[in-house]
Amino acid sequence: MKIKDGFVLKEIAGSHLVVPLGTQVVNFGAMIKLNETGAFLWDLLQDNREKEELVSSLLSEYDVEEAKAIIDVDGFINKLKDADLLE
């Protein structure tokens, strides 16, 4: 899975915000605020990545148990799918 074209992650005043560009502005209801972990996963999803790769990267970057990493990645993916941000 991969982030759709037309969306970028910007850091504004210490917050990570998903911002639509071009024609996506019309189709996008509101900006999404991400925490540090969400921004980390967003960056990974700029390239085509599978869920297992996201979990593995999260385990390598953060001190988190695998079960928690899986739950967090699932939640993040669902949030992006609900906002129609994934290809």
N, C-alpha and C. Protein backbone atom coordinates (compact mmCIF):
# COMPACT_ATOMS: atom_id res chain seq x y z
N MET A 1 0.85 -1.17 0.00
CA MET A 1 0.00 0.00 0.00
C MET A 1 0.89 1.23 0.00
N LYS A 2 0.29 2.33 -0.44
CA LYS A 2 1.05 3.56 -0.64
C LYS A 2 0.13 4.75 -0.47
N ILE A 3 0.68 5.88 -0.02
CA ILE A 3 -0.08 7.12 0.08
C ILE A 3 -0.45 7.59 -1.34
N LYS A 4 -1.69 8.02 -1.53
CA LYS A 4 -2.11 8.54 -2.82
C LYS A 4 -1.34 9.81 -3.15
N ASP A 5 -1.16 10.06 -4.42
CA ASP A 5 -0.57 11.32 -4.86
C ASP A 5 -1.49 12.47 -4.46
N GLY A 6 -0.90 13.62 -4.22
CA GLY A 6 -1.70 14.80 -3.91
C GLY A 6 -1.81 15.10 -2.43
N PHE A 7 -1.05 14.39 -1.61
CA PHE A 7 -1.05 14.63 -0.17
C PHE A 7 0.38 14.67 0.32
N VAL A 8 0.66 15.62 1.20
CA VAL A 8 2.00 15.73 1.79
C VAL A 8 1.88 15.87 3.29
N LEU A 9 2.95 15.54 3.97
CA LEU A 9 3.04 15.71 5.41
C LEU A 9 3.89 16.93 5.67
N LYS A 10 3.35 17.86 6.41
CA LYS A 10 4.07 19.10 6.76
C LYS A 10 4.18 19.19 8.27
N GLU A 11 5.31 19.71 8.72
CA GLU A 11 5.45 20.00 10.15
C GLU A 11 5.21 21.50 10.33
N ILE A 12 4.16 21.82 11.08
CA ILE A 12 3.77 23.20 11.30
C ILE A 12 3.63 23.42 12.80
N ALA A 13 4.43 24.33 13.32
CA ALA A 13 4.40 24.67 14.74
C ALA A 13 4.52 23.42 15.62
N GLY A 14 5.39 22.50 15.22
CA GLY A 14 5.63 21.29 16.00
C GLY A 14 4.61 20.19 15.81
N SER A 15 3.64 20.40 14.94
CA SER A 15 2.62 19.39 14.66
C SER A 15 2.82 18.83 13.26
N HIS A 16 2.54 17.54 13.10
CA HIS A 16 2.62 16.88 11.80
C HIS A 16 1.21 16.87 11.20
N LEU A 17 1.05 17.55 10.06
CA LEU A 17 -0.26 17.66 9.43
C LEU A 17 -0.24 17.13 8.00
N VAL A 18 -1.24 16.33 7.65
CA VAL A 18 -1.44 15.86 6.28
C VAL A 18 -2.19 16.96 5.55
N VAL A 19 -1.60 17.42 4.45
CA VAL A 19 -2.15 18.54 3.70
C VAL A 19 -2.42 18.10 2.26
N PRO A 20 -3.63 18.38 1.76
CA PRO A 20 -3.93 18.04 0.36
C PRO A 20 -3.34 19.09 -0.58
N LEU A 21 -3.00 18.66 -1.78
CA LEU A 21 -2.47 19.55 -2.82
C LEU A 21 -3.34 19.47 -4.05
N GLY A 22 -3.31 20.50 -4.87
CA GLY A 22 -3.99 20.49 -6.16
C GLY A 22 -5.46 20.13 -6.06
N THR A 23 -5.88 19.21 -6.91
CA THR A 23 -7.29 18.83 -6.98
C THR A 23 -7.76 18.08 -5.74
N GLN A 24 -6.84 17.56 -4.95
CA GLN A 24 -7.22 16.83 -3.74
C GLN A 24 -7.83 17.75 -2.69
N VAL A 25 -7.56 19.06 -2.79
CA VAL A 25 -8.11 20.01 -1.81
C VAL A 25 -9.63 19.94 -1.80
N VAL A 26 -10.22 19.78 -2.96
CA VAL A 26 -11.68 19.73 -3.09
C VAL A 26 -12.24 18.46 -2.46
N ASN A 27 -11.54 17.35 -2.60
CA ASN A 27 -12.03 16.05 -2.15
C ASN A 27 -11.72 15.74 -0.70
N PHE A 28 -10.93 16.55 -0.06
CA PHE A 28 -10.44 16.24 1.28
C PHE A 28 -11.18 17.08 2.30
N GLY A 29 -11.81 16.44 3.27
CA GLY A 29 -12.64 17.14 4.24
C GLY A 29 -11.90 18.03 5.21
N ALA A 30 -10.77 17.58 5.71
CA ALA A 30 -10.01 18.35 6.71
C ALA A 30 -8.60 17.79 6.78
N MET A 31 -7.73 18.58 7.36
CA MET A 31 -6.36 18.09 7.55
C MET A 31 -6.36 17.05 8.66
N ILE A 32 -5.40 16.14 8.60
CA ILE A 32 -5.25 15.12 9.62
C ILE A 32 -3.97 15.40 10.38
N LYS A 33 -4.05 15.40 11.70
CA LYS A 33 -2.89 15.61 12.55
C LYS A 33 -2.33 14.24 12.95
N LEU A 34 -1.02 14.07 12.78
CA LEU A 34 -0.37 12.82 13.13
C LEU A 34 0.60 13.03 14.28
N ASN A 35 0.76 12.00 15.10
CA ASN A 35 1.80 12.05 16.12
C ASN A 35 3.13 11.63 15.48
N GLU A 36 4.17 11.57 16.29
CA GLU A 36 5.50 11.23 15.76
C GLU A 36 5.50 9.86 15.09
N THR A 37 4.84 8.89 15.69
CA THR A 37 4.78 7.54 15.13
C THR A 37 4.01 7.54 13.81
N GLY A 38 2.90 8.25 13.76
CA GLY A 38 2.14 8.36 12.52
C GLY A 38 2.95 9.00 11.41
N ALA A 39 3.73 10.02 11.74
CA ALA A 39 4.58 10.68 10.75
C ALA A 39 5.66 9.71 10.26
N PHE A 40 6.20 8.90 11.16
CA PHE A 40 7.19 7.89 10.80
C PHE A 40 6.59 6.90 9.79
N LEU A 41 5.39 6.40 10.10
CA LEU A 41 4.73 5.44 9.21
C LEU A 41 4.34 6.10 7.89
N TRP A 42 3.90 7.35 7.94
CA TRP A 42 3.55 8.08 6.72
C TRP A 42 4.75 8.12 5.77
N ASP A 43 5.90 8.45 6.32
CA ASP A 43 7.12 8.52 5.50
C ASP A 43 7.41 7.18 4.83
N LEU A 44 7.21 6.09 5.56
CA LEU A 44 7.42 4.76 4.99
C LEU A 44 6.44 4.49 3.85
N LEU A 45 5.23 4.99 3.99
CA LEU A 45 4.19 4.73 2.99
C LEU A 45 4.32 5.61 1.75
N GLN A 46 5.35 6.42 1.66
CA GLN A 46 5.61 7.16 0.43
C GLN A 46 6.01 6.18 -0.68
N ASP A 47 6.58 5.06 -0.26
CA ASP A 47 6.90 3.96 -1.17
C ASP A 47 5.94 2.82 -0.87
N ASN A 48 5.74 1.97 -1.81
CA ASN A 48 4.83 0.84 -1.63
C ASN A 48 5.35 -0.07 -0.52
N ARG A 49 4.60 -0.21 0.57
CA ARG A 49 5.00 -1.03 1.71
C ARG A 49 3.85 -1.94 2.13
N GLU A 50 4.23 -3.09 2.62
CA GLU A 50 3.25 -4.02 3.18
C GLU A 50 3.15 -3.80 4.68
N LYS A 51 2.06 -4.25 5.26
CA LYS A 51 1.84 -4.10 6.70
C LYS A 51 3.00 -4.68 7.50
N GLU A 52 3.50 -5.82 7.10
CA GLU A 52 4.58 -6.48 7.83
C GLU A 52 5.84 -5.61 7.87
N GLU A 53 6.11 -4.89 6.77
CA GLU A 53 7.26 -3.99 6.73
C GLU A 53 7.07 -2.81 7.68
N LEU A 54 5.86 -2.31 7.77
CA LEU A 54 5.58 -1.22 8.68
C LEU A 54 5.78 -1.65 10.13
N VAL A 55 5.29 -2.83 10.46
CA VAL A 55 5.45 -3.35 11.82
C VAL A 55 6.93 -3.55 12.14
N SER A 56 7.66 -4.16 11.23
CA SER A 56 9.08 -4.41 11.41
C SER A 56 9.85 -3.10 11.61
N SER A 57 9.54 -2.10 10.82
CA SER A 57 10.21 -0.80 10.94
C SER A 57 9.87 -0.13 12.26
N LEU A 58 8.64 -0.26 12.69
CA LEU A 58 8.22 0.31 13.97
C LEU A 58 8.97 -0.35 15.12
N LEU A 59 9.13 -1.67 15.04
CA LEU A 59 9.86 -2.40 16.08
C LEU A 59 11.33 -2.00 16.11
N SER A 60 11.90 -1.71 14.95
CA SER A 60 13.30 -1.31 14.88
C SER A 60 13.52 0.11 15.40
N GLU A 61 12.54 0.97 15.19
CA GLU A 61 12.69 2.40 15.53
C GLU A 61 12.30 2.72 16.97
N TYR A 62 11.30 2.01 17.50
CA TYR A 62 10.74 2.34 18.81
C TYR A 62 10.83 1.14 19.75
N ASP A 63 10.85 1.43 21.03
CA ASP A 63 10.84 0.39 22.06
C ASP A 63 9.38 0.02 22.33
N VAL A 64 8.88 -0.93 21.54
CA VAL A 64 7.47 -1.32 21.64
C VAL A 64 7.37 -2.82 21.42
N GLU A 65 6.40 -3.44 22.08
CA GLU A 65 6.18 -4.87 21.90
C GLU A 65 5.49 -5.12 20.56
N GLU A 66 5.74 -6.28 19.99
CA GLU A 66 5.21 -6.59 18.67
C GLU A 66 3.68 -6.51 18.63
N ALA A 67 3.01 -7.03 19.64
CA ALA A 67 1.55 -7.00 19.65
C ALA A 67 1.03 -5.57 19.60
N LYS A 68 1.67 -4.67 20.33
CA LYS A 68 1.27 -3.25 20.34
C LYS A 68 1.56 -2.61 18.98
N ALA A 69 2.70 -2.95 18.39
CA ALA A 69 3.07 -2.40 17.08
C ALA A 69 2.03 -2.82 16.02
N ILE A 70 1.60 -4.06 16.07
CA ILE A 70 0.60 -4.55 15.11
C ILE A 70 -0.71 -3.79 15.28
N ILE A 71 -1.15 -3.61 16.52
CA ILE A 71 -2.39 -2.87 16.79
C ILE A 71 -2.27 -1.43 16.29
N ASP A 72 -1.13 -0.81 16.57
CA ASP A 72 -0.93 0.59 16.14
C ASP A 72 -0.90 0.72 14.62
N VAL A 73 -0.22 -0.18 13.95
CA VAL A 73 -0.16 -0.14 12.48
C VAL A 73 -1.55 -0.38 11.90
N ASP A 74 -2.28 -1.35 12.43
CA ASP A 74 -3.65 -1.61 11.95
C ASP A 74 -4.52 -0.36 12.11
N GLY A 75 -4.43 0.28 13.26
CA GLY A 75 -5.22 1.49 13.51
C GLY A 75 -4.86 2.61 12.56
N PHE A 76 -3.56 2.77 12.31
CA PHE A 76 -3.10 3.82 11.40
C PHE A 76 -3.57 3.55 9.97
N ILE A 77 -3.43 2.32 9.52
CA ILE A 77 -3.87 1.95 8.18
C ILE A 77 -5.38 2.20 8.04
N ASN A 78 -6.15 1.81 9.04
CA ASN A 78 -7.60 2.02 8.99
C ASN A 78 -7.95 3.50 8.93
N LYS A 79 -7.22 4.32 9.69
CA LYS A 79 -7.45 5.77 9.67
C LYS A 79 -7.19 6.33 8.27
N LEU A 80 -6.11 5.88 7.65
CA LEU A 80 -5.79 6.34 6.29
C LEU A 80 -6.82 5.85 5.27
N LYS A 81 -7.27 4.60 5.43
CA LYS A 81 -8.29 4.07 4.52
C LYS A 81 -9.60 4.84 4.67
N ASP A 82 -9.98 5.13 5.91
CA ASP A 82 -11.23 5.88 6.15
C ASP A 82 -11.17 7.27 5.50
N ALA A 83 -9.98 7.86 5.46
CA ALA A 83 -9.80 9.18 4.85
C ALA A 83 -9.51 9.07 3.36
N ASP A 84 -9.50 7.85 2.83
CA ASP A 84 -9.23 7.59 1.40
C ASP A 84 -7.88 8.13 0.95
N LEU A 85 -6.86 7.85 1.76
CA LEU A 85 -5.51 8.33 1.48
C LEU A 85 -4.57 7.26 0.94
N LEU A 86 -5.02 6.02 0.84
CA LEU A 86 -4.17 4.93 0.37
C LEU A 86 -4.58 4.46 -1.01
N GLU A 87 -3.55 4.10 -1.79
CA GLU A 87 -3.79 3.50 -3.11
C GLU A 87 -3.99 2.01 -2.90
